[in-house]
Amino acid sequence: MTTLDKTAVLAAFEAAYVAAHGTLPEITAKGGWYSVDGNKNVRLADLNAQIDDLNASAVKTAPVHSSIEENEPTKTPFSIIKTNDTGFTAEELWIVKLAETFQDCRLPRGLA
């Protein structure tokens, strides 16, 4: 059985995790067990085994994810209303306000 260098394994795991998920993991160590982002506790050898899985998933998901964002049209769940002379009803006002935010929003309860 080989001995693993703790700092080398954790550094390689962090690099692979950032490549796969885009964020730095929160690793807590307690009694030889390591918890990544509050998930299940695993041993150092298991973290070393997960490095290859993370590297493989980072390679597979990167090209697919970027092409989906470019081709996906924006969708609005409601019709956009133009301004008028008489003013807006409450429902029309919410539709206009949510349409101007450029975010994925829903109408308030009771208006949909």
PDB file of N, CA and C in Angstrom:
ATOM      1  N   MET A   1       0.846  -1.177   0.000  1.00  0.00           N
ATOM      2  CA  MET A   1       0.000   0.000   0.000  1.00  0.00           C
ATOM      3  C   MET A   1       0.889   1.236   0.000  1.00  0.00           C
ATOM      4  N   THR A   2       0.621   2.159  -0.878  1.00  0.00           N
ATOM      5  CA  THR A   2       1.431   3.361  -0.964  1.00  0.00           C
ATOM      6  C   THR A   2       0.897   4.414  -0.004  1.00  0.00           C
ATOM      7  N   THR A   3       1.797   5.284   0.429  1.00  0.00           N
ATOM      8  CA  THR A   3       1.365   6.387   1.291  1.00  0.00           C
ATOM      9  C   THR A   3       1.096   7.598   0.416  1.00  0.00           C
ATOM     10  N   LEU A   4       0.018   8.265   0.692  1.00  0.00           N
ATOM     11  CA  LEU A   4      -0.384   9.428  -0.090  1.00  0.00           C
ATOM     12  C   LEU A   4       0.061  10.696   0.623  1.00  0.00           C
ATOM     13  N   ASP A   5       0.525  11.664  -0.138  1.00  0.00           N
ATOM     14  CA  ASP A   5       0.883  12.957   0.421  1.00  0.00           C
ATOM     15  C   ASP A   5      -0.392  13.794   0.519  1.00  0.00           C
ATOM     16  N   LYS A   6      -0.749  14.158   1.723  1.00  0.00           N
ATOM     17  CA  LYS A   6      -2.023  14.831   1.967  1.00  0.00           C
ATOM     18  C   LYS A   6      -2.121  16.164   1.212  1.00  0.00           C
ATOM     19  N   THR A   7      -1.076  16.966   1.264  1.00  0.00           N
ATOM     20  CA  THR A   7      -1.139  18.279   0.614  1.00  0.00           C
ATOM     21  C   THR A   7      -1.198  18.153  -0.902  1.00  0.00           C
ATOM     22  N   ALA A   8      -0.475  17.171  -1.451  1.00  0.00           N
ATOM     23  CA  ALA A   8      -0.485  16.989  -2.909  1.00  0.00           C
ATOM     24  C   ALA A   8      -1.846  16.509  -3.385  1.00  0.00           C
ATOM     25  N   VAL A   9      -2.433  15.574  -2.654  1.00  0.00           N
ATOM     26  CA  VAL A   9      -3.742  15.039  -3.047  1.00  0.00           C
ATOM     27  C   VAL A   9      -4.810  16.115  -2.936  1.00  0.00           C
ATOM     28  N   LEU A  10      -4.794  16.892  -1.838  1.00  0.00           N
ATOM     29  CA  LEU A  10      -5.800  17.945  -1.673  1.00  0.00           C
ATOM     30  C   LEU A  10      -5.645  19.049  -2.713  1.00  0.00           C
ATOM     31  N   ALA A  11      -4.417  19.391  -3.058  1.00  0.00           N
ATOM     32  CA  ALA A  11      -4.194  20.417  -4.087  1.00  0.00           C
ATOM     33  C   ALA A  11      -4.680  19.935  -5.451  1.00  0.00           C
ATOM     34  N   ALA A  12      -4.395  18.667  -5.776  1.00  0.00           N
ATOM     35  CA  ALA A  12      -4.855  18.119  -7.061  1.00  0.00           C
ATOM     36  C   ALA A  12      -6.372  18.007  -7.087  1.00  0.00           C
ATOM     37  N   PHE A  13      -6.962  17.633  -5.946  1.00  0.00           N
ATOM     38  CA  PHE A  13      -8.421  17.521  -5.878  1.00  0.00           C
ATOM     39  C   PHE A  13      -9.067  18.892  -6.053  1.00  0.00           C
ATOM     40  N   GLU A  14      -8.524  19.920  -5.402  1.00  0.00           N
ATOM     41  CA  GLU A  14      -9.079  21.273  -5.543  1.00  0.00           C
ATOM     42  C   GLU A  14      -8.997  21.755  -6.984  1.00  0.00           C
ATOM     43  N   ALA A  15      -7.870  21.493  -7.643  1.00  0.00           N
ATOM     44  CA  ALA A  15      -7.724  21.916  -9.042  1.00  0.00           C
ATOM     45  C   ALA A  15      -8.736  21.205  -9.935  1.00  0.00           C
ATOM     46  N   ALA A  16      -8.926  19.905  -9.722  1.00  0.00           N
ATOM     47  CA  ALA A  16      -9.893  19.158 -10.535  1.00  0.00           C
ATOM     48  C   ALA A  16     -11.319  19.593 -10.231  1.00  0.00           C
ATOM     49  N   TYR A  17     -11.603  19.887  -8.975  1.00  0.00           N
ATOM     50  CA  TYR A  17     -12.948  20.322  -8.572  1.00  0.00           C
ATOM     51  C   TYR A  17     -13.279  21.673  -9.195  1.00  0.00           C
ATOM     52  N   VAL A  18     -12.312  22.589  -9.181  1.00  0.00           N
ATOM     53  CA  VAL A  18     -12.535  23.909  -9.780  1.00  0.00           C
ATOM     54  C   VAL A  18     -12.745  23.774 -11.285  1.00  0.00           C
ATOM     55  N   ALA A  19     -11.993  22.889 -11.927  1.00  0.00           N
ATOM     56  CA  ALA A  19     -12.160  22.690 -13.368  1.00  0.00           C
ATOM     57  C   ALA A  19     -13.533  22.105 -13.690  1.00  0.00           C
ATOM     58  N   ALA A  20     -14.047  21.230 -12.827  1.00  0.00           N
ATOM     59  CA  ALA A  20     -15.331  20.581 -13.096  1.00  0.00           C
ATOM     60  C   ALA A  20     -16.518  21.442 -12.698  1.00  0.00           C
ATOM     61  N   HIS A  21     -16.428  22.128 -11.542  1.00  0.00           N
ATOM     62  CA  HIS A  21     -17.581  22.850 -11.009  1.00  0.00           C
ATOM     63  C   HIS A  21     -17.457  24.372 -11.097  1.00  0.00           C
ATOM     64  N   GLY A  22     -16.258  24.887 -11.256  1.00  0.00           N
ATOM     65  CA  GLY A  22     -16.079  26.327 -11.378  1.00  0.00           C
ATOM     66  C   GLY A  22     -15.980  27.063 -10.054  1.00  0.00           C
ATOM     67  N   THR A  23     -16.090  26.384  -8.931  1.00  0.00           N
ATOM     68  CA  THR A  23     -15.969  27.020  -7.631  1.00  0.00           C
ATOM     69  C   THR A  23     -14.967  26.248  -6.784  1.00  0.00           C
ATOM     70  N   LEU A  24     -14.409  26.920  -5.797  1.00  0.00           N
ATOM     71  CA  LEU A  24     -13.463  26.292  -4.898  1.00  0.00           C
ATOM     72  C   LEU A  24     -14.216  25.461  -3.870  1.00  0.00           C
ATOM     73  N   PRO A  25     -13.809  24.201  -3.645  1.00  0.00           N
ATOM     74  CA  PRO A  25     -14.542  23.362  -2.698  1.00  0.00           C
ATOM     75  C   PRO A  25     -14.211  23.734  -1.259  1.00  0.00           C
ATOM     76  N   GLU A  26     -15.142  23.471  -0.369  1.00  0.00           N
ATOM     77  CA  GLU A  26     -14.910  23.659   1.057  1.00  0.00           C
ATOM     78  C   GLU A  26     -14.624  22.287   1.650  1.00  0.00           C
ATOM     79  N   ILE A  27     -13.352  22.043   1.968  1.00  0.00           N
ATOM     80  CA  ILE A  27     -12.930  20.743   2.466  1.00  0.00           C
ATOM     81  C   ILE A  27     -12.677  20.847   3.962  1.00  0.00           C
ATOM     82  N   THR A  28     -13.376  20.011   4.734  1.00  0.00           N
ATOM     83  CA  THR A  28     -13.149  19.963   6.170  1.00  0.00           C
ATOM     84  C   THR A  28     -12.585  18.591   6.514  1.00  0.00           C
ATOM     85  N   ALA A  29     -11.533  18.595   7.343  1.00  0.00           N
ATOM     86  CA  ALA A  29     -10.872  17.353   7.738  1.00  0.00           C
ATOM     87  C   ALA A  29     -11.123  17.105   9.213  1.00  0.00           C
ATOM     88  N   LYS A  30     -11.459  15.861   9.528  1.00  0.00           N
ATOM     89  CA  LYS A  30     -11.687  15.510  10.924  1.00  0.00           C
ATOM     90  C   LYS A  30     -11.337  14.049  11.118  1.00  0.00           C
ATOM     91  N   GLY A  31     -10.264  13.806  11.833  1.00  0.00           N
ATOM     92  CA  GLY A  31      -9.882  12.441  12.172  1.00  0.00           C
ATOM     93  C   GLY A  31      -9.548  11.572  10.978  1.00  0.00           C
ATOM     94  N   GLY A  32      -8.915  12.102   9.968  1.00  0.00           N
ATOM     95  CA  GLY A  32      -8.557  11.307   8.796  1.00  0.00           C
ATOM     96  C   GLY A  32      -9.660  11.195   7.758  1.00  0.00           C
ATOM     97  N   TRP A  33     -10.809  11.769   8.036  1.00  0.00           N
ATOM     98  CA  TRP A  33     -11.923  11.781   7.093  1.00  0.00           C
ATOM     99  C   TRP A  33     -12.057  13.186   6.516  1.00  0.00           C
ATOM    100  N   TYR A  34     -12.439  13.284   5.259  1.00  0.00           N
ATOM    101  CA  TYR A  34     -12.553  14.566   4.573  1.00  0.00           C
ATOM    102  C   TYR A  34     -13.966  14.728   4.040  1.00  0.00           C
ATOM    103  N   SER A  35     -14.534  15.906   4.284  1.00  0.00           N
ATOM    104  CA  SER A  35     -15.870  16.212   3.802  1.00  0.00           C
ATOM    105  C   SER A  35     -15.762  17.356   2.802  1.00  0.00           C
ATOM    106  N   VAL A  36     -16.281  17.145   1.602  1.00  0.00           N
ATOM    107  CA  VAL A  36     -16.226  18.159   0.549  1.00  0.00           C
ATOM    108  C   VAL A  36     -17.590  18.821   0.450  1.00  0.00           C
ATOM    109  N   ASP A  37     -17.642  20.112   0.727  1.00  0.00           N
ATOM    110  CA  ASP A  37     -18.873  20.917   0.681  1.00  0.00           C
ATOM    111  C   ASP A  37     -19.977  20.337   1.565  1.00  0.00           C
ATOM    112  N   GLY A  38     -19.609  19.768   2.695  1.00  0.00           N
ATOM    113  CA  GLY A  38     -20.594  19.248   3.636  1.00  0.00           C
ATOM    114  C   GLY A  38     -21.217  17.928   3.224  1.00  0.00           C
ATOM    115  N   ASN A  39     -20.693  17.284   2.193  1.00  0.00           N
ATOM    116  CA  ASN A  39     -21.239  16.007   1.741  1.00  0.00           C
ATOM    117  C   ASN A  39     -20.674  14.860   2.569  1.00  0.00           C
ATOM    118  N   LYS A  40     -20.840  13.663   2.095  1.00  0.00           N
ATOM    119  CA  LYS A  40     -20.411  12.448   2.777  1.00  0.00           C
ATOM    120  C   LYS A  40     -18.911  12.488   3.075  1.00  0.00           C
ATOM    121  N   ASN A  41     -18.515  12.000   4.245  1.00  0.00           N
ATOM    122  CA  ASN A  41     -17.110  11.936   4.629  1.00  0.00           C
ATOM    123  C   ASN A  41     -16.429  10.792   3.893  1.00  0.00           C
ATOM    124  N   VAL A  42     -15.244  11.079   3.351  1.00  0.00           N
ATOM    125  CA  VAL A  42     -14.481  10.070   2.620  1.00  0.00           C
ATOM    126  C   VAL A  42     -13.026  10.113   3.077  1.00  0.00           C
ATOM    127  N   ARG A  43     -12.301   9.042   2.819  1.00  0.00           N
ATOM    128  CA  ARG A  43     -10.881   8.966   3.140  1.00  0.00           C
ATOM    129  C   ARG A  43     -10.064   9.641   2.045  1.00  0.00           C
ATOM    130  N   LEU A  44      -8.780   9.859   2.346  1.00  0.00           N
ATOM    131  CA  LEU A  44      -7.880  10.514   1.406  1.00  0.00           C
ATOM    132  C   LEU A  44      -7.728   9.700   0.122  1.00  0.00           C
ATOM    133  N   ALA A  45      -7.707   8.385   0.221  1.00  0.00           N
ATOM    134  CA  ALA A  45      -7.595   7.533  -0.969  1.00  0.00           C
ATOM    135  C   ALA A  45      -8.813   7.693  -1.876  1.00  0.00           C
ATOM    136  N   ASP A  46      -9.994   7.895  -1.278  1.00  0.00           N
ATOM    137  CA  ASP A  46     -11.204   8.107  -2.080  1.00  0.00           C
ATOM    138  C   ASP A  46     -11.159   9.456  -2.796  1.00  0.00           C
ATOM    139  N   LEU A  47     -10.613  10.474  -2.118  1.00  0.00           N
ATOM    140  CA  LEU A  47     -10.447  11.777  -2.781  1.00  0.00           C
ATOM    141  C   LEU A  47      -9.491  11.644  -3.956  1.00  0.00           C
ATOM    142  N   ASN A  48      -8.430  10.854  -3.767  1.00  0.00           N
ATOM    143  CA  ASN A  48      -7.471  10.637  -4.838  1.00  0.00           C
ATOM    144  C   ASN A  48      -8.137   9.929  -6.019  1.00  0.00           C
ATOM    145  N   ALA A  49      -9.042   9.013  -5.749  1.00  0.00           N
ATOM    146  CA  ALA A  49      -9.755   8.312  -6.819  1.00  0.00           C
ATOM    147  C   ALA A  49     -10.749   9.228  -7.532  1.00  0.00           C
ATOM    148  N   GLN A  50     -11.302  10.191  -6.824  1.00  0.00           N
ATOM    149  CA  GLN A  50     -12.280  11.108  -7.418  1.00  0.00           C
ATOM    150  C   GLN A  50     -11.636  12.130  -8.349  1.00  0.00           C
ATOM    151  N   ILE A  51     -10.330  12.327  -8.244  1.00  0.00           N
ATOM    152  CA  ILE A  51      -9.646  13.304  -9.098  1.00  0.00           C
ATOM    153  C   ILE A  51      -9.824  12.944 -10.567  1.00  0.00           C
ATOM    154  N   ASP A  52      -9.633  11.675 -10.910  1.00  0.00           N
ATOM    155  CA  ASP A  52      -9.793  11.247 -12.309  1.00  0.00           C
ATOM    156  C   ASP A  52     -11.230  11.428 -12.785  1.00  0.00           C
ATOM    157  N   ASP A  53     -12.194  11.140 -11.913  1.00  0.00           N
ATOM    158  CA  ASP A  53     -13.600  11.309 -12.281  1.00  0.00           C
ATOM    159  C   ASP A  53     -13.924  12.776 -12.544  1.00  0.00           C
ATOM    160  N   LEU A  54     -13.393  13.654 -11.696  1.00  0.00           N
ATOM    161  CA  LEU A  54     -13.649  15.090 -11.878  1.00  0.00           C
ATOM    162  C   LEU A  54     -12.994  15.609 -13.145  1.00  0.00           C
ATOM    163  N   ASN A  55     -11.782  15.153 -13.424  1.00  0.00           N
ATOM    164  CA  ASN A  55     -11.110  15.580 -14.655  1.00  0.00           C
ATOM    165  C   ASN A  55     -11.869  15.100 -15.885  1.00  0.00           C
ATOM    166  N   ALA A  56     -12.389  13.885 -15.837  1.00  0.00           N
ATOM    167  CA  ALA A  56     -13.144  13.353 -16.974  1.00  0.00           C
ATOM    168  C   ALA A  56     -14.455  14.108 -17.158  1.00  0.00           C
ATOM    169  N   SER A  57     -15.132  14.435 -16.055  1.00  0.00           N
ATOM    170  CA  SER A  57     -16.403  15.151 -16.174  1.00  0.00           C
ATOM    171  C   SER A  57     -16.190  16.587 -16.627  1.00  0.00           C
ATOM    172  N   ALA A  58     -15.060  17.191 -16.259  1.00  0.00           N
ATOM    173  CA  ALA A  58     -14.783  18.563 -16.693  1.00  0.00           C
ATOM    174  C   ALA A  58     -14.553  18.611 -18.192  1.00  0.00           C
ATOM    175  N   VAL A  59     -13.918  17.607 -18.738  1.00  0.00           N
ATOM    176  CA  VAL A  59     -13.656  17.564 -20.176  1.00  0.00           C
ATOM    177  C   VAL A  59     -14.947  17.326 -20.945  1.00  0.00           C
ATOM    178  N   LYS A  60     -15.818  16.451 -20.444  1.00  0.00           N
ATOM    179  CA  LYS A  60     -17.051  16.134 -21.151  1.00  0.00           C
ATOM    180  C   LYS A  60     -18.055  17.277 -21.114  1.00  0.00           C
ATOM    181  N   THR A  61     -18.194  17.955 -19.975  1.00  0.00           N
ATOM    182  CA  THR A  61     -19.250  18.944 -19.841  1.00  0.00           C
ATOM    183  C   THR A  61     -18.879  20.314 -20.395  1.00  0.00           C
ATOM    184  N   ALA A  62     -17.627  20.649 -20.499  1.00  0.00           N
ATOM    185  CA  ALA A  62     -17.245  21.998 -20.910  1.00  0.00           C
ATOM    186  C   ALA A  62     -17.725  22.353 -22.321  1.00  0.00           C
ATOM    187  N   PRO A  63     -17.448  21.577 -23.374  1.00  0.00           N
ATOM    188  CA  PRO A  63     -17.890  21.982 -24.703  1.00  0.00           C
ATOM    189  C   PRO A  63     -19.407  21.940 -24.862  1.00  0.00           C
ATOM    190  N   VAL A  64     -20.076  20.991 -24.261  1.00  0.00           N
ATOM    191  CA  VAL A  64     -21.516  20.861 -24.405  1.00  0.00           C
ATOM    192  C   VAL A  64     -22.220  22.041 -23.756  1.00  0.00           C
ATOM    193  N   HIS A  65     -21.765  22.467 -22.601  1.00  0.00           N
ATOM    194  CA  HIS A  65     -22.405  23.544 -21.852  1.00  0.00           C
ATOM    195  C   HIS A  65     -22.328  24.871 -22.608  1.00  0.00           C
ATOM    196  N   SER A  66     -21.198  25.169 -23.223  1.00  0.00           N
ATOM    197  CA  SER A  66     -21.058  26.443 -23.917  1.00  0.00           C
ATOM    198  C   SER A  66     -21.918  26.489 -25.179  1.00  0.00           C
ATOM    199  N   SER A  67     -22.075  25.375 -25.881  1.00  0.00           N
ATOM    200  CA  SER A  67     -22.863  25.395 -27.109  1.00  0.00           C
ATOM    201  C   SER A  67     -24.357  25.507 -26.820  1.00  0.00           C
ATOM    202  N   ILE A  68     -24.808  25.017 -25.696  1.00  0.00           N
ATOM    203  CA  ILE A  68     -26.226  25.107 -25.354  1.00  0.00           C
ATOM    204  C   ILE A  68     -26.611  26.550 -25.091  1.00  0.00           C
ATOM    205  N   GLU A  69     -25.766  27.285 -24.376  1.00  0.00           N
ATOM    206  CA  GLU A  69     -26.088  28.674 -24.051  1.00  0.00           C
ATOM    207  C   GLU A  69     -26.176  29.557 -25.298  1.00  0.00           C
ATOM    208  N   GLU A  70     -25.348  29.293 -26.283  1.00  0.00           N
ATOM    209  CA  GLU A  70     -25.334  30.131 -27.479  1.00  0.00           C
ATOM    210  C   GLU A  70     -26.578  29.928 -28.335  1.00  0.00           C
ATOM    211  N   ASN A  71     -27.105  28.718 -28.404  1.00  0.00           N
ATOM    212  CA  ASN A  71     -28.209  28.400 -29.303  1.00  0.00           C
ATOM    213  C   ASN A  71     -29.576  28.542 -28.657  1.00  0.00           C
ATOM    214  N   GLU A  72     -29.655  28.732 -27.357  1.00  0.00           N
ATOM    215  CA  GLU A  72     -30.941  28.741 -26.676  1.00  0.00           C
ATOM    216  C   GLU A  72     -31.587  30.124 -26.749  1.00  0.00           C
ATOM    217  N   PRO A  73     -32.768  30.237 -27.345  1.00  0.00           N
ATOM    218  CA  PRO A  73     -33.428  31.543 -27.395  1.00  0.00           C
ATOM    219  C   PRO A  73     -34.036  31.882 -26.034  1.00  0.00           C
ATOM    220  N   THR A  74     -34.211  33.177 -25.785  1.00  0.00           N
ATOM    221  CA  THR A  74     -34.807  33.593 -24.515  1.00  0.00           C
ATOM    222  C   THR A  74     -36.311  33.383 -24.586  1.00  0.00           C
ATOM    223  N   LYS A  75     -36.885  32.957 -23.479  1.00  0.00           N
ATOM    224  CA  LYS A  75     -38.311  32.667 -23.417  1.00  0.00           C
ATOM    225  C   LYS A  75     -38.936  33.565 -22.360  1.00  0.00           C
ATOM    226  N   THR A  76     -40.111  34.081 -22.647  1.00  0.00           N
ATOM    227  CA  THR A  76     -40.863  34.824 -21.648  1.00  0.00           C
ATOM    228  C   THR A  76     -42.183  34.110 -21.425  1.00  0.00           C
ATOM    229  N   PRO A  77     -42.576  33.884 -20.183  1.00  0.00           N
ATOM    230  CA  PRO A  77     -43.805  33.157 -19.919  1.00  0.00           C
ATOM    231  C   PRO A  77     -45.057  34.010 -20.075  1.00  0.00           C
ATOM    232  N   PHE A  78     -44.898  35.284 -20.433  1.00  0.00           N
ATOM    233  CA  PHE A  78     -46.050  36.161 -20.556  1.00  0.00           C
ATOM    234  C   PHE A  78     -45.820  37.109 -21.721  1.00  0.00           C
ATOM    235  N   SER A  79     -46.898  37.694 -22.227  1.00  0.00           N
ATOM    236  CA  SER A  79     -46.771  38.604 -23.360  1.00  0.00           C
ATOM    237  C   SER A  79     -46.399  39.998 -22.856  1.00  0.00           C
ATOM    238  N   ILE A  80     -45.539  40.658 -23.594  1.00  0.00           N
ATOM    239  CA  ILE A  80     -45.090  41.996 -23.208  1.00  0.00           C
ATOM    240  C   ILE A  80     -46.096  43.012 -23.740  1.00  0.00           C
ATOM    241  N   ILE A  81     -46.520  43.910 -22.871  1.00  0.00           N
ATOM    242  CA  ILE A  81     -47.552  44.888 -23.209  1.00  0.00           C
ATOM    243  C   ILE A  81     -46.886  46.241 -23.445  1.00  0.00           C
ATOM    244  N   LYS A  82     -47.311  46.933 -24.483  1.00  0.00           N
ATOM    245  CA  LYS A  82     -46.780  48.265 -24.787  1.00  0.00           C
ATOM    246  C   LYS A  82     -47.512  49.307 -23.945  1.00  0.00           C
ATOM    247  N   THR A  83     -46.908  50.475 -23.762  1.00  0.00           N
ATOM    248  CA  THR A  83     -47.542  51.538 -22.990  1.00  0.00           C
ATOM    249  C   THR A  83     -48.785  52.035 -23.707  1.00  0.00           C
ATOM    250  N   ASN A  84     -49.745  52.490 -22.942  1.00  0.00           N
ATOM    251  CA  ASN A  84     -50.966  53.021 -23.533  1.00  0.00           C
ATOM    252  C   ASN A  84     -51.357  54.316 -22.812  1.00  0.00           C
ATOM    253  N   ASP A  85     -52.352  55.025 -23.335  1.00  0.00           N
ATOM    254  CA  ASP A  85     -52.741  56.334 -22.805  1.00  0.00           C
ATOM    255  C   ASP A  85     -53.560  56.228 -21.515  1.00  0.00           C
ATOM    256  N   THR A  86     -54.322  55.164 -21.344  1.00  0.00           N
ATOM    257  CA  THR A  86     -55.206  55.064 -20.187  1.00  0.00           C
ATOM    258  C   THR A  86     -54.511  54.523 -18.949  1.00  0.00           C
ATOM    259  N   GLY A  87     -53.310  54.014 -19.070  1.00  0.00           N
ATOM    260  CA  GLY A  87     -52.607  53.438 -17.923  1.00  0.00           C
ATOM    261  C   GLY A  87     -52.714  51.929 -17.938  1.00  0.00           C
ATOM    262  N   PHE A  88     -52.100  51.327 -16.983  1.00  0.00           N
ATOM    263  CA  PHE A  88     -52.067  49.875 -16.908  1.00  0.00           C
ATOM    264  C   PHE A  88     -53.005  49.370 -15.822  1.00  0.00           C
ATOM    265  N   THR A  89     -53.505  48.166 -16.037  1.00  0.00           N
ATOM    266  CA  THR A  89     -54.179  47.471 -14.955  1.00  0.00           C
ATOM    267  C   THR A  89     -53.087  46.876 -14.060  1.00  0.00           C
ATOM    268  N   ALA A  90     -53.470  46.348 -12.914  1.00  0.00           N
ATOM    269  CA  ALA A  90     -52.477  45.777 -12.005  1.00  0.00           C
ATOM    270  C   ALA A  90     -51.717  44.633 -12.668  1.00  0.00           C
ATOM    271  N   GLU A  91     -52.423  43.796 -13.407  1.00  0.00           N
ATOM    272  CA  GLU A  91     -51.773  42.677 -14.075  1.00  0.00           C
ATOM    273  C   GLU A  91     -50.814  43.169 -15.151  1.00  0.00           C
ATOM    274  N   GLU A  92     -51.234  44.163 -15.927  1.00  0.00           N
ATOM    275  CA  GLU A  92     -50.371  44.691 -16.978  1.00  0.00           C
ATOM    276  C   GLU A  92     -49.133  45.365 -16.391  1.00  0.00           C
ATOM    277  N   LEU A  93     -49.281  46.045 -15.262  1.00  0.00           N
ATOM    278  CA  LEU A  93     -48.141  46.700 -14.623  1.00  0.00           C
ATOM    279  C   LEU A  93     -47.095  45.669 -14.196  1.00  0.00           C
ATOM    280  N   TRP A  94     -47.523  44.562 -13.605  1.00  0.00           N
ATOM    281  CA  TRP A  94     -46.580  43.520 -13.207  1.00  0.00           C
ATOM    282  C   TRP A  94     -45.910  42.891 -14.414  1.00  0.00           C
ATOM    283  N   ILE A  95     -46.654  42.706 -15.483  1.00  0.00           N
ATOM    284  CA  ILE A  95     -46.063  42.131 -16.690  1.00  0.00           C
ATOM    285  C   ILE A  95     -44.966  43.041 -17.220  1.00  0.00           C
ATOM    286  N   VAL A  96     -45.217  44.341 -17.257  1.00  0.00           N
ATOM    287  CA  VAL A  96     -44.222  45.296 -17.757  1.00  0.00           C
ATOM    288  C   VAL A  96     -43.012  45.337 -16.830  1.00  0.00           C
ATOM    289  N   LYS A  97     -43.230  45.397 -15.503  1.00  0.00           N
ATOM    290  CA  LYS A  97     -42.113  45.457 -14.560  1.00  0.00           C
ATOM    291  C   LYS A  97     -41.224  44.216 -14.671  1.00  0.00           C
ATOM    292  N   LEU A  98     -41.830  43.042 -14.749  1.00  0.00           N
ATOM    293  CA  LEU A  98     -41.042  41.821 -14.829  1.00  0.00           C
ATOM    294  C   LEU A  98     -40.349  41.677 -16.174  1.00  0.00           C
ATOM    295  N   ALA A  99     -40.951  42.187 -17.224  1.00  0.00           N
ATOM    296  CA  ALA A  99     -40.329  42.119 -18.543  1.00  0.00           C
ATOM    297  C   ALA A  99     -39.109  43.033 -18.617  1.00  0.00           C
ATOM    298  N   GLU A 100     -39.105  44.116 -17.878  1.00  0.00           N
ATOM    299  CA  GLU A 100     -37.985  45.057 -17.906  1.00  0.00           C
ATOM    300  C   GLU A 100     -36.795  44.584 -17.083  1.00  0.00           C
ATOM    301  N   THR A 101     -36.948  43.582 -16.223  1.00  0.00           N
ATOM    302  CA  THR A 101     -35.843  43.124 -15.384  1.00  0.00           C
ATOM    303  C   THR A 101     -34.859  42.241 -16.134  1.00  0.00           C
ATOM    304  N   PHE A 102     -35.234  41.686 -17.279  1.00  0.00           N
ATOM    305  CA  PHE A 102     -34.393  40.803 -18.086  1.00  0.00           C
ATOM    306  C   PHE A 102     -33.921  39.586 -17.282  1.00  0.00           C
ATOM    307  N   GLN A 103     -34.766  39.068 -16.429  1.00  0.00           N
ATOM    308  CA  GLN A 103     -34.473  37.867 -15.668  1.00  0.00           C
ATOM    309  C   GLN A 103     -35.610  36.873 -15.863  1.00  0.00           C
ATOM    310  N   ASP A 104     -35.364  35.650 -15.453  1.00  0.00           N
ATOM    311  CA  ASP A 104     -36.394  34.621 -15.546  1.00  0.00           C
ATOM    312  C   ASP A 104     -37.323  34.797 -14.355  1.00  0.00           C
ATOM    313  N   CYS A 105     -38.472  35.436 -14.565  1.00  0.00           N
ATOM    314  CA  CYS A 105     -39.395  35.763 -13.480  1.00  0.00           C
ATOM    315  C   CYS A 105     -40.770  35.169 -13.757  1.00  0.00           C
ATOM    316  N   ARG A 106     -41.543  35.065 -12.680  1.00  0.00           N
ATOM    317  CA  ARG A 106     -42.927  34.618 -12.798  1.00  0.00           C
ATOM    318  C   ARG A 106     -43.832  35.740 -12.339  1.00  0.00           C
ATOM    319  N   LEU A 107     -45.072  35.702 -12.817  1.00  0.00           N
ATOM    320  CA  LEU A 107     -46.057  36.669 -12.335  1.00  0.00           C
ATOM    321  C   LEU A 107     -46.442  36.324 -10.901  1.00  0.00           C
ATOM    322  N   PRO A 108     -46.876  37.304 -10.112  1.00  0.00           N
ATOM    323  CA  PRO A 108     -47.321  37.017  -8.758  1.00  0.00           C
ATOM    324  C   PRO A 108     -48.497  36.044  -8.753  1.00  0.00           C
ATOM    325  N   ARG A 109     -48.717  35.427  -7.623  1.00  0.00           N
ATOM    326  CA  ARG A 109     -49.796  34.464  -7.489  1.00  0.00           C
ATOM    327  C   ARG A 109     -51.136  35.109  -7.815  1.00  0.00           C
ATOM    328  N   GLY A 110     -51.963  34.435  -8.565  1.00  0.00           N
ATOM    329  CA  GLY A 110     -53.282  34.922  -8.890  1.00  0.00           C
ATOM    330  C   GLY A 110     -53.353  35.665 -10.209  1.00  0.00           C
ATOM    331  N   LEU A 111     -52.212  35.993 -10.814  1.00  0.00           N
ATOM    332  CA  LEU A 111     -52.235  36.715 -12.084  1.00  0.00           C
ATOM    333  C   LEU A 111     -51.954  35.821 -13.275  1.00  0.00           C
ATOM    334  N   ALA A 112     -51.504  34.635 -13.034  1.00  0.00           N
ATOM    335  CA  ALA A 112     -51.126  33.771 -14.163  1.00  0.00           C
ATOM    336  C   ALA A 112     -52.270  32.992 -14.707  1.00  0.00           C
TER     337      ALA A 112
END
